[in-house]
Amino acid sequence: MKGVYIMRNNSNIKPFPKAFNLMVMGQIISVLGSSLLRFALSLYVLDITGRADIYATLYAVSNVPLLLSPLGGAIADRFNRRNLMVIFDFASSTIVFCFLLLLAAGNTSVILISVVMILLAMISAMYSPAVMASVPLLVTENKLEQANGIVNGVQALSSVAAPVLGGVLYGIVGLEMLVVMSCIAFFLAAVLAMFIHIPFVKREHDGHIISTIVKDLKVGCIYVVKQPFILKCIILAAFLNLILTPLFVVGGPIILRVVMKSSDTMYGIGMGLIDFATILGALSIGFFAKKMQMKKLYLWFLIMALLIVPMALSITPLVLSFGYYPSFILFILCAILIAMVMIIISIFVITAVQKKTPNENLGKVMAIITAVSQCMAPVGQVIYGVIFEAFSIKVYVPILFVSIAMIVMTVVVKMVLRNEGEITSPKGTKDIQSGI
């Protein structure tokens, strides 16, 4: 027994393989470079036009290409994923370099900037499935949750760091230098990707490649629908994004700025701490995953539902009467814990789906989850905007509604996942991993 324990312990402390480390390094460089450029371009448009509506529309339109994620998933399942990462990063670097030349020539039209942002967003939408589908092939199954946590942590870090670094660098070095830095970042990420070895088995295709990709898309959608567990997970992720993500995106600013009347500094600290919680949750999944079971996942939803209650109480007239800081601390503490639990659940569910999905469908399934869940967030934001406007005097009321919705979701999750046992990889996936 002692020998078995030592073997298991060693498998947990064994470092990640070189290929995974290189992919993460490339992700850090590429994702941060992309986020910095996107933020800087949006800020530049706001400066040259002075119109918030154009700024907001441009930022929103650049998210539309996320709908291309399923196409990226189909491509990721058909071609060598390492080569795709190299191509995507080089393509991004080329686009940014061309934009730099036009910028140097004095062409700074809003239309040009819009085209650049949309093109980069399209590439990013197809890049992500290739990365997510590669993770199970680069690490052993017992470290898959931790690996997914690191990948998600990198993405969360970019969303936190981009506004801070982008704002500082934009003010110090200007747009042109930021564009140069992004161009170099994409180029370096492409070079790094060239040294990654990702197992790849070439699949034969009949007819033209476009018709094959379209057929693969149909196969992926049919596969998801016919797999009850995967379909449940996709619906779960969608409703989680519909209910909770807008609570922070829409509710956070309204509560901190309008209800609590926070200063610029305290508002920045509050939103920064919530963003940091997502990074902390992503990086701590390796610890919590050992204690999580799919059939007991409802307990984590119950924790979030209960945490929303004191969050709502923090903005009631009674608590606000005690002063700013008690209300602020209670709200932020609850928000941090909810954000951590939410990202832990998301990564755990994604990992479970990865373990259930054969390699030839990994890209498509990961892309469908991403597209469905991320498309639900804007819908939730619109709904929350209307509800918060209707309850502008008693903002704590809709927050309590969210708690009730989460309790209902807890009951539903318990019912639909009660028969789900330990998640294991499908046949064939482990064979590929063993060849790394």
Protein backbone atom coordinates (compact mmCIF):
# COMPACT_ATOMS: atom_id res chain seq x y z
CA MET A 1 0.00 0.00 0.00
CA LYS A 2 2.85 2.33 0.83
CA GLY A 3 4.35 1.76 -2.62
CA VAL A 4 1.03 2.52 -4.29
CA TYR A 5 0.72 5.77 -2.33
CA ILE A 6 4.22 6.84 -3.37
CA MET A 7 3.42 6.13 -7.04
CA ARG A 8 0.26 8.20 -6.87
CA ASN A 9 2.00 10.99 -5.02
CA ASN A 10 4.80 11.08 -7.59
CA SER A 11 2.30 11.25 -10.45
CA ASN A 12 0.75 14.32 -8.86
CA ILE A 13 4.02 16.21 -8.33
CA LYS A 14 5.53 15.27 -11.69
CA PRO A 15 5.98 18.46 -13.75
CA PHE A 16 4.02 19.10 -16.91
CA PRO A 17 5.66 17.94 -20.16
CA LYS A 18 7.74 20.37 -22.20
CA ALA A 19 5.12 20.53 -24.98
CA PHE A 20 2.44 21.74 -22.56
CA ASN A 21 4.78 24.33 -21.01
CA LEU A 22 5.65 25.68 -24.46
CA MET A 23 1.96 25.89 -25.37
CA VAL A 24 1.20 27.82 -22.17
CA MET A 25 4.10 30.21 -22.79
CA GLY A 26 2.83 30.79 -26.31
CA GLN A 27 -0.68 31.34 -24.94
CA ILE A 28 0.54 33.95 -22.47
CA ILE A 29 2.36 35.88 -25.19
CA SER A 30 -0.36 35.54 -27.84
CA VAL A 31 -3.44 36.11 -25.67
CA LEU A 32 -1.91 39.04 -23.79
CA GLY A 33 -0.72 40.62 -27.06
CA SER A 34 -4.18 40.22 -28.58
CA SER A 35 -5.97 41.61 -25.51
CA LEU A 36 -3.62 44.59 -25.27
CA LEU A 37 -4.11 45.47 -28.93
CA ARG A 38 -7.88 45.06 -28.77
CA PHE A 39 -8.13 47.31 -25.72
CA ALA A 40 -5.77 49.93 -27.18
CA LEU A 41 -7.62 50.05 -30.52
CA SER A 42 -10.97 50.50 -28.76
CA LEU A 43 -9.49 53.28 -26.63
CA TYR A 44 -7.99 54.92 -29.71
CA VAL A 45 -11.39 54.92 -31.45
CA LEU A 46 -12.89 56.57 -28.37
CA ASP A 47 -10.15 59.24 -28.48
CA ILE A 48 -10.46 60.10 -32.18
CA THR A 49 -14.28 60.04 -32.30
CA GLY A 50 -15.19 61.04 -28.76
CA ARG A 51 -18.31 58.89 -29.08
CA ALA A 52 -19.02 56.20 -26.50
CA ASP A 53 -21.65 54.53 -28.74
CA ILE A 54 -19.10 53.86 -31.51
CA TYR A 55 -16.62 52.61 -28.90
CA ALA A 56 -19.17 50.22 -27.38
CA THR A 57 -20.46 49.03 -30.76
CA LEU A 58 -16.97 48.32 -32.05
CA TYR A 59 -16.07 46.37 -28.90
CA ALA A 60 -19.32 44.38 -29.14
CA VAL A 61 -19.00 43.64 -32.88
CA SER A 62 -15.50 42.28 -32.33
CA ASN A 63 -17.12 39.55 -30.19
CA VAL A 64 -19.42 38.35 -32.99
CA PRO A 65 -16.72 36.10 -34.57
CA LEU A 66 -16.99 33.90 -31.44
CA LEU A 67 -19.79 32.22 -33.38
CA LEU A 68 -17.05 30.80 -35.63
CA SER A 69 -15.76 28.64 -32.77
CA PRO A 70 -17.52 25.48 -34.03
CA LEU A 71 -15.83 25.95 -37.42
CA GLY A 72 -12.50 26.27 -35.61
CA GLY A 73 -13.31 23.09 -33.71
CA ALA A 74 -13.99 21.16 -36.93
CA ILE A 75 -10.70 22.41 -38.39
CA ALA A 76 -8.85 21.49 -35.17
CA ASP A 77 -10.15 17.91 -35.42
CA ARG A 78 -9.16 17.56 -39.06
CA PHE A 79 -5.65 19.09 -39.15
CA ASN A 80 -2.48 19.05 -37.06
CA ARG A 81 -3.27 21.31 -34.09
CA ARG A 82 0.34 22.43 -33.65
CA ASN A 83 0.46 23.58 -37.27
CA LEU A 84 -2.85 25.41 -36.83
CA MET A 85 -1.47 27.34 -33.84
CA VAL A 86 1.59 28.33 -35.89
CA ILE A 87 -0.55 29.42 -38.86
CA PHE A 88 -2.99 31.39 -36.70
CA ASP A 89 -0.23 33.25 -34.84
CA PHE A 90 1.68 34.04 -38.04
CA ALA A 91 -1.57 35.22 -39.66
CA SER A 92 -2.26 37.50 -36.69
CA SER A 93 1.28 38.86 -36.84
CA THR A 94 0.91 39.55 -40.58
CA ILE A 95 -2.43 41.33 -40.12
CA VAL A 96 -1.01 43.51 -37.35
CA PHE A 97 2.11 44.27 -39.42
CA CYS A 98 -0.02 45.37 -42.40
CA PHE A 99 -2.08 47.54 -40.06
CA LEU A 100 1.14 49.08 -38.73
CA LEU A 101 2.20 50.04 -42.26
CA LEU A 102 -1.17 51.68 -42.92
CA LEU A 103 -1.00 53.40 -39.55
CA ALA A 104 2.45 54.78 -40.39
CA ALA A 105 1.04 56.07 -43.69
CA GLY A 106 -1.58 58.03 -41.78
CA ASN A 107 -4.59 55.76 -42.37
CA THR A 108 -6.42 55.68 -39.02
CA SER A 109 -10.04 55.32 -40.10
CA VAL A 110 -12.53 53.66 -37.78
CA ILE A 111 -13.49 51.24 -40.59
CA LEU A 112 -9.87 50.02 -40.89
CA ILE A 113 -9.61 49.52 -37.15
CA SER A 114 -12.93 47.65 -37.16
CA VAL A 115 -11.71 45.32 -39.91
CA VAL A 116 -8.47 44.59 -38.02
CA MET A 117 -10.30 43.86 -34.77
CA ILE A 118 -12.82 41.57 -36.48
CA LEU A 119 -10.09 39.67 -38.36
CA LEU A 120 -8.10 39.12 -35.15
CA ALA A 121 -11.27 38.05 -33.32
CA MET A 122 -12.02 35.53 -36.10
CA ILE A 123 -8.56 34.02 -35.75
CA SER A 124 -8.88 33.96 -31.96
CA ALA A 125 -12.25 32.17 -32.21
CA MET A 126 -10.66 29.39 -34.27
CA TYR A 127 -7.43 29.35 -32.23
CA SER A 128 -9.08 28.56 -28.90
CA PRO A 129 -10.61 25.16 -29.87
CA ALA A 130 -7.20 23.99 -31.12
CA VAL A 131 -5.68 24.79 -27.72
CA MET A 132 -8.50 23.26 -25.65
CA ALA A 133 -8.52 20.11 -27.78
CA SER A 134 -4.73 19.75 -27.41
CA VAL A 135 -4.63 19.81 -23.61
CA PRO A 136 -5.85 16.20 -23.09
CA LEU A 137 -3.17 15.00 -25.52
CA LEU A 138 -0.32 16.79 -23.74
CA VAL A 139 -0.93 15.87 -20.09
CA THR A 140 -1.89 12.74 -18.20
CA GLU A 141 -5.51 12.30 -17.16
CA ASN A 142 -4.85 12.86 -13.43
CA LYS A 143 -3.40 16.32 -14.20
CA LEU A 144 -6.04 17.37 -16.74
CA GLU A 145 -8.03 19.57 -14.34
CA GLN A 146 -4.87 21.38 -13.26
CA ALA A 147 -3.77 21.85 -16.88
CA ASN A 148 -7.18 23.26 -17.85
CA GLY A 149 -6.96 25.54 -14.83
CA ILE A 150 -3.65 26.94 -16.07
CA VAL A 151 -5.00 27.51 -19.60
CA ASN A 152 -8.12 29.23 -18.24
CA GLY A 153 -5.96 31.18 -15.77
CA VAL A 154 -3.91 32.58 -18.66
CA GLN A 155 -7.08 33.76 -20.40
CA ALA A 156 -8.44 35.28 -17.18
CA LEU A 157 -5.11 36.99 -16.51
CA SER A 158 -5.16 38.60 -19.95
CA SER A 159 -8.63 40.04 -19.33
CA VAL A 160 -7.42 41.52 -16.03
CA ALA A 161 -3.99 42.71 -17.20
CA ALA A 162 -5.02 44.08 -20.62
CA PRO A 163 -7.02 47.10 -19.35
CA VAL A 164 -4.33 47.96 -16.80
CA LEU A 165 -1.26 47.46 -19.00
CA GLY A 166 -3.09 48.69 -22.10
CA GLY A 167 -4.12 51.92 -20.41
CA VAL A 168 -0.64 52.56 -19.02
CA LEU A 169 1.26 51.67 -22.21
CA TYR A 170 -1.23 53.54 -24.42
CA GLY A 171 -0.57 56.69 -22.40
CA ILE A 172 3.23 56.23 -22.30
CA VAL A 173 4.28 54.79 -25.69
CA GLY A 174 1.19 55.44 -27.83
CA LEU A 175 -0.79 53.29 -30.24
CA GLU A 176 1.95 52.66 -32.83
CA MET A 177 4.37 51.15 -30.30
CA LEU A 178 1.58 48.99 -28.87
CA VAL A 179 0.86 47.70 -32.37
CA VAL A 180 4.57 46.90 -32.82
CA MET A 181 4.61 45.03 -29.49
CA SER A 182 1.54 43.00 -30.47
CA CYS A 183 3.05 42.15 -33.85
CA ILE A 184 6.22 40.87 -32.15
CA ALA A 185 4.15 38.96 -29.55
CA PHE A 186 2.21 37.06 -32.23
CA PHE A 187 5.44 36.29 -34.10
CA LEU A 188 7.15 34.95 -30.96
CA ALA A 189 4.09 32.84 -30.11
CA ALA A 190 4.21 31.32 -33.61
CA VAL A 191 7.92 30.49 -33.23
CA LEU A 192 7.30 28.86 -29.85
CA ALA A 193 4.43 26.80 -31.27
CA MET A 194 6.79 25.34 -33.88
CA PHE A 195 8.61 23.45 -31.10
CA ILE A 196 5.47 21.86 -29.64
CA HIS A 197 4.83 18.20 -30.36
CA ILE A 198 1.12 17.35 -30.35
CA PRO A 199 0.18 13.76 -31.31
CA PHE A 200 -1.67 13.76 -34.61
CA VAL A 201 -3.25 10.98 -36.63
CA LYS A 202 -4.08 12.06 -40.17
CA ARG A 203 -7.68 11.31 -41.15
CA GLU A 204 -8.72 10.57 -44.70
CA HIS A 205 -11.37 12.80 -46.26
CA ASP A 206 -13.61 12.28 -49.23
CA GLY A 207 -14.14 15.07 -51.73
CA HIS A 208 -13.28 18.74 -51.28
CA ILE A 209 -11.94 19.87 -47.92
CA ILE A 210 -14.73 22.46 -47.49
CA SER A 211 -17.46 19.84 -47.88
CA THR A 212 -15.52 17.63 -45.46
CA ILE A 213 -15.38 20.41 -42.84
CA VAL A 214 -19.12 21.05 -43.25
CA LYS A 215 -19.76 17.34 -42.81
CA ASP A 216 -17.55 17.32 -39.71
CA LEU A 217 -19.57 20.20 -38.26
CA LYS A 218 -22.77 18.21 -38.72
CA VAL A 219 -21.15 15.14 -37.18
CA GLY A 220 -20.02 17.20 -34.17
CA CYS A 221 -23.50 18.62 -33.58
CA ILE A 222 -25.11 15.18 -33.91
CA TYR A 223 -22.50 13.70 -31.56
CA VAL A 224 -23.26 16.34 -28.89
CA VAL A 225 -27.01 15.80 -29.15
CA LYS A 226 -26.65 12.01 -28.93
CA GLN A 227 -24.38 12.14 -25.87
CA PRO A 228 -26.67 12.85 -22.87
CA PHE A 229 -23.82 13.70 -20.48
CA ILE A 230 -22.14 16.17 -22.87
CA LEU A 231 -25.49 17.76 -23.74
CA LYS A 232 -26.25 18.21 -20.03
CA CYS A 233 -22.86 19.86 -19.50
CA ILE A 234 -23.38 22.27 -22.40
CA ILE A 235 -26.83 23.28 -21.09
CA LEU A 236 -25.33 23.62 -17.60
CA ALA A 237 -22.55 25.91 -18.86
CA ALA A 238 -25.06 27.97 -20.84
CA PHE A 239 -27.35 28.62 -17.88
CA LEU A 240 -24.39 29.33 -15.60
CA ASN A 241 -23.27 32.04 -18.02
CA LEU A 242 -26.82 33.31 -18.46
CA ILE A 243 -27.46 33.72 -14.72
CA LEU A 244 -24.12 34.49 -13.05
CA THR A 245 -21.80 36.16 -15.58
CA PRO A 246 -24.12 39.19 -16.08
CA LEU A 247 -24.35 39.52 -12.30
CA PHE A 248 -20.71 40.65 -12.33
CA VAL A 249 -20.56 42.32 -15.76
CA VAL A 250 -23.77 44.37 -15.32
CA GLY A 251 -24.57 44.12 -11.62
CA GLY A 252 -21.05 44.77 -10.32
CA PRO A 253 -20.65 48.27 -11.81
CA ILE A 254 -24.23 49.26 -10.93
CA ILE A 255 -23.87 48.13 -7.31
CA LEU A 256 -20.42 49.64 -6.76
CA ARG A 257 -20.92 52.92 -8.62
CA VAL A 258 -24.64 53.69 -8.34
CA VAL A 259 -25.77 52.03 -5.11
CA MET A 260 -22.60 52.29 -3.02
CA LYS A 261 -21.32 55.41 -4.80
CA SER A 262 -17.75 54.09 -4.80
CA SER A 263 -14.86 56.34 -5.75
CA ASP A 264 -12.84 55.57 -8.88
CA THR A 265 -10.16 53.95 -6.72
CA MET A 266 -12.53 51.74 -4.70
CA TYR A 267 -14.45 50.79 -7.84
CA GLY A 268 -11.19 49.72 -9.51
CA ILE A 269 -10.13 47.76 -6.42
CA GLY A 270 -13.50 46.03 -6.19
CA MET A 271 -13.72 44.97 -9.84
CA GLY A 272 -10.03 44.06 -9.83
CA LEU A 273 -10.50 41.72 -6.85
CA ILE A 274 -13.42 39.99 -8.56
CA ASP A 275 -11.34 39.50 -11.72
CA PHE A 276 -8.42 38.25 -9.63
CA ALA A 277 -10.75 35.69 -8.00
CA THR A 278 -11.30 34.04 -11.40
CA ILE A 279 -7.53 33.61 -11.79
CA LEU A 280 -7.22 32.23 -8.26
CA GLY A 281 -10.10 29.82 -8.86
CA ALA A 282 -8.58 28.61 -12.15
CA LEU A 283 -5.19 27.96 -10.56
CA SER A 284 -6.67 26.20 -7.51
CA ILE A 285 -8.74 23.67 -9.50
CA GLY A 286 -5.96 21.09 -9.14
CA PHE A 287 -6.56 21.05 -5.37
CA PHE A 288 -10.38 21.09 -5.43
CA ALA A 289 -10.79 18.63 -8.32
CA LYS A 290 -9.61 15.75 -6.11
CA LYS A 291 -12.59 16.35 -3.82
CA MET A 292 -15.22 16.94 -6.52
CA GLN A 293 -17.68 14.43 -7.93
CA MET A 294 -20.09 15.02 -10.77
CA LYS A 295 -23.07 13.60 -8.86
CA LYS A 296 -22.33 16.01 -5.96
CA LEU A 297 -21.74 19.05 -8.15
CA TYR A 298 -25.08 20.47 -6.95
CA LEU A 299 -23.45 21.26 -3.58
CA TRP A 300 -21.21 23.82 -5.29
CA PHE A 301 -24.27 25.44 -6.85
CA LEU A 302 -25.90 25.52 -3.42
CA ILE A 303 -22.84 27.31 -2.02
CA MET A 304 -23.16 30.02 -4.70
CA ALA A 305 -26.92 30.35 -4.09
CA LEU A 306 -26.34 30.86 -0.36
CA LEU A 307 -23.48 33.35 -0.93
CA ILE A 308 -25.75 35.52 -3.08
CA VAL A 309 -28.03 36.13 -0.07
CA PRO A 310 -25.46 38.12 2.00
CA MET A 311 -24.43 39.82 -1.25
CA ALA A 312 -28.00 41.09 -1.60
CA LEU A 313 -28.12 42.05 2.09
CA SER A 314 -24.94 44.14 1.66
CA ILE A 315 -26.89 46.70 -0.40
CA THR A 316 -30.03 46.85 1.73
CA PRO A 317 -30.73 50.18 3.49
CA LEU A 318 -30.01 48.54 6.86
CA VAL A 319 -26.46 47.45 6.00
CA LEU A 320 -25.75 50.64 4.01
CA SER A 321 -26.68 52.63 7.12
CA PHE A 322 -23.60 51.21 8.89
CA GLY A 323 -21.35 53.04 6.41
CA TYR A 324 -19.56 52.39 3.13
CA TYR A 325 -16.85 49.91 4.11
CA PRO A 326 -18.97 47.22 5.88
CA SER A 327 -21.24 47.07 2.83
CA PHE A 328 -18.32 47.11 0.37
CA ILE A 329 -16.37 44.38 2.20
CA LEU A 330 -19.40 42.08 2.52
CA PHE A 331 -20.30 42.48 -1.16
CA ILE A 332 -16.76 41.97 -2.46
CA LEU A 333 -16.09 38.99 -0.18
CA CYS A 334 -19.21 37.21 -1.45
CA ALA A 335 -18.44 38.16 -5.06
CA ILE A 336 -14.88 36.80 -4.78
CA LEU A 337 -16.06 33.46 -3.42
CA ILE A 338 -18.82 33.15 -6.03
CA ALA A 339 -16.40 33.99 -8.87
CA MET A 340 -13.95 31.36 -7.60
CA VAL A 341 -16.61 28.67 -7.29
CA MET A 342 -18.00 29.52 -10.72
CA ILE A 343 -14.66 29.13 -12.51
CA ILE A 344 -13.90 25.92 -10.57
CA ILE A 345 -17.22 24.43 -11.69
CA SER A 346 -16.63 25.53 -15.29
CA ILE A 347 -13.18 23.95 -15.50
CA PHE A 348 -14.34 20.76 -13.76
CA VAL A 349 -17.22 20.36 -16.23
CA ILE A 350 -15.01 21.11 -19.25
CA THR A 351 -12.48 18.54 -18.05
CA ALA A 352 -15.23 15.95 -17.58
CA VAL A 353 -16.39 16.55 -21.16
CA GLN A 354 -12.81 16.24 -22.44
CA LYS A 355 -12.46 12.88 -20.70
CA LYS A 356 -15.71 11.62 -22.26
CA THR A 357 -14.96 12.85 -25.79
CA PRO A 358 -12.81 10.89 -28.29
CA ASN A 359 -9.91 12.80 -29.84
CA GLU A 360 -11.51 13.07 -33.29
CA ASN A 361 -14.39 15.09 -31.81
CA LEU A 362 -12.57 17.07 -29.10
CA GLY A 363 -12.17 20.29 -31.06
CA LYS A 364 -15.79 20.40 -32.21
CA VAL A 365 -17.23 19.62 -28.77
CA MET A 366 -15.00 22.17 -26.99
CA ALA A 367 -15.93 24.80 -29.59
CA ILE A 368 -19.65 24.13 -29.25
CA ILE A 369 -19.45 24.50 -25.46
CA THR A 370 -17.53 27.77 -25.86
CA ALA A 371 -19.89 29.20 -28.47
CA VAL A 372 -23.11 28.27 -26.65
CA SER A 373 -21.98 29.43 -23.20
CA GLN A 374 -20.43 32.70 -24.40
CA CYS A 375 -23.46 33.57 -26.52
CA MET A 376 -25.70 33.26 -23.47
CA ALA A 377 -23.80 35.96 -21.53
CA PRO A 378 -24.91 38.90 -23.76
CA VAL A 379 -28.53 37.68 -23.53
CA GLY A 380 -28.23 37.68 -19.75
CA GLN A 381 -26.67 41.16 -19.80
CA VAL A 382 -29.67 42.58 -21.68
CA ILE A 383 -32.10 40.90 -19.26
CA TYR A 384 -30.17 42.13 -16.22
CA GLY A 385 -30.03 45.65 -17.63
CA VAL A 386 -33.83 45.76 -17.89
CA ILE A 387 -34.35 44.22 -14.44
CA PHE A 388 -31.86 46.51 -12.68
CA GLU A 389 -33.50 49.52 -14.32
CA ALA A 390 -36.91 48.37 -13.11
CA PHE A 391 -35.60 47.90 -9.55
CA SER A 392 -33.23 50.89 -9.51
CA ILE A 393 -34.40 51.91 -6.04
CA LYS A 394 -34.29 48.39 -4.55
CA VAL A 395 -31.37 46.74 -6.36
CA TYR A 396 -31.14 44.04 -3.70
CA VAL A 397 -34.46 42.57 -4.92
CA PRO A 398 -33.14 41.25 -8.29
CA ILE A 399 -30.05 39.94 -6.48
CA LEU A 400 -32.36 37.86 -4.27
CA PHE A 401 -34.13 36.67 -7.43
CA VAL A 402 -30.74 35.42 -8.66
CA SER A 403 -30.31 33.47 -5.42
CA ILE A 404 -33.71 31.84 -5.93
CA ALA A 405 -32.80 31.02 -9.55
CA MET A 406 -29.57 29.39 -8.35
CA ILE A 407 -31.47 27.31 -5.78
CA VAL A 408 -33.75 26.08 -8.56
CA MET A 409 -30.67 25.33 -10.66
CA THR A 410 -29.16 23.43 -7.71
CA VAL A 411 -32.22 21.14 -7.56
CA VAL A 412 -32.13 20.60 -11.34
CA VAL A 413 -28.38 19.83 -11.31
CA LYS A 414 -28.89 17.29 -8.49
CA MET A 415 -31.63 15.56 -10.49
CA VAL A 416 -29.89 15.41 -13.88
CA LEU A 417 -26.45 14.42 -12.56
CA ARG A 418 -27.46 12.06 -9.75
CA ASN A 419 -26.51 8.95 -11.76
CA GLU A 420 -23.19 10.30 -13.06
CA GLY A 421 -20.24 8.43 -11.59
CA GLU A 422 -16.50 8.75 -12.12
CA ILE A 423 -15.52 10.22 -15.47
CA THR A 424 -13.07 8.16 -17.53
CA SER A 425 -11.48 8.72 -20.91
CA PRO A 426 -12.94 7.01 -23.98
CA LYS A 427 -10.95 4.26 -25.62
CA GLY A 428 -8.22 5.57 -27.88
CA THR A 429 -7.43 8.80 -26.03
CA LYS A 430 -5.05 7.15 -23.58
CA ASP A 431 -3.29 5.36 -26.42
CA ILE A 432 -2.46 8.70 -28.00
CA GLN A 433 -1.31 10.15 -24.69
CA SER A 434 1.03 7.27 -24.02
CA GLY A 435 2.96 8.12 -27.16
CA ILE A 436 3.91 11.62 -25.95
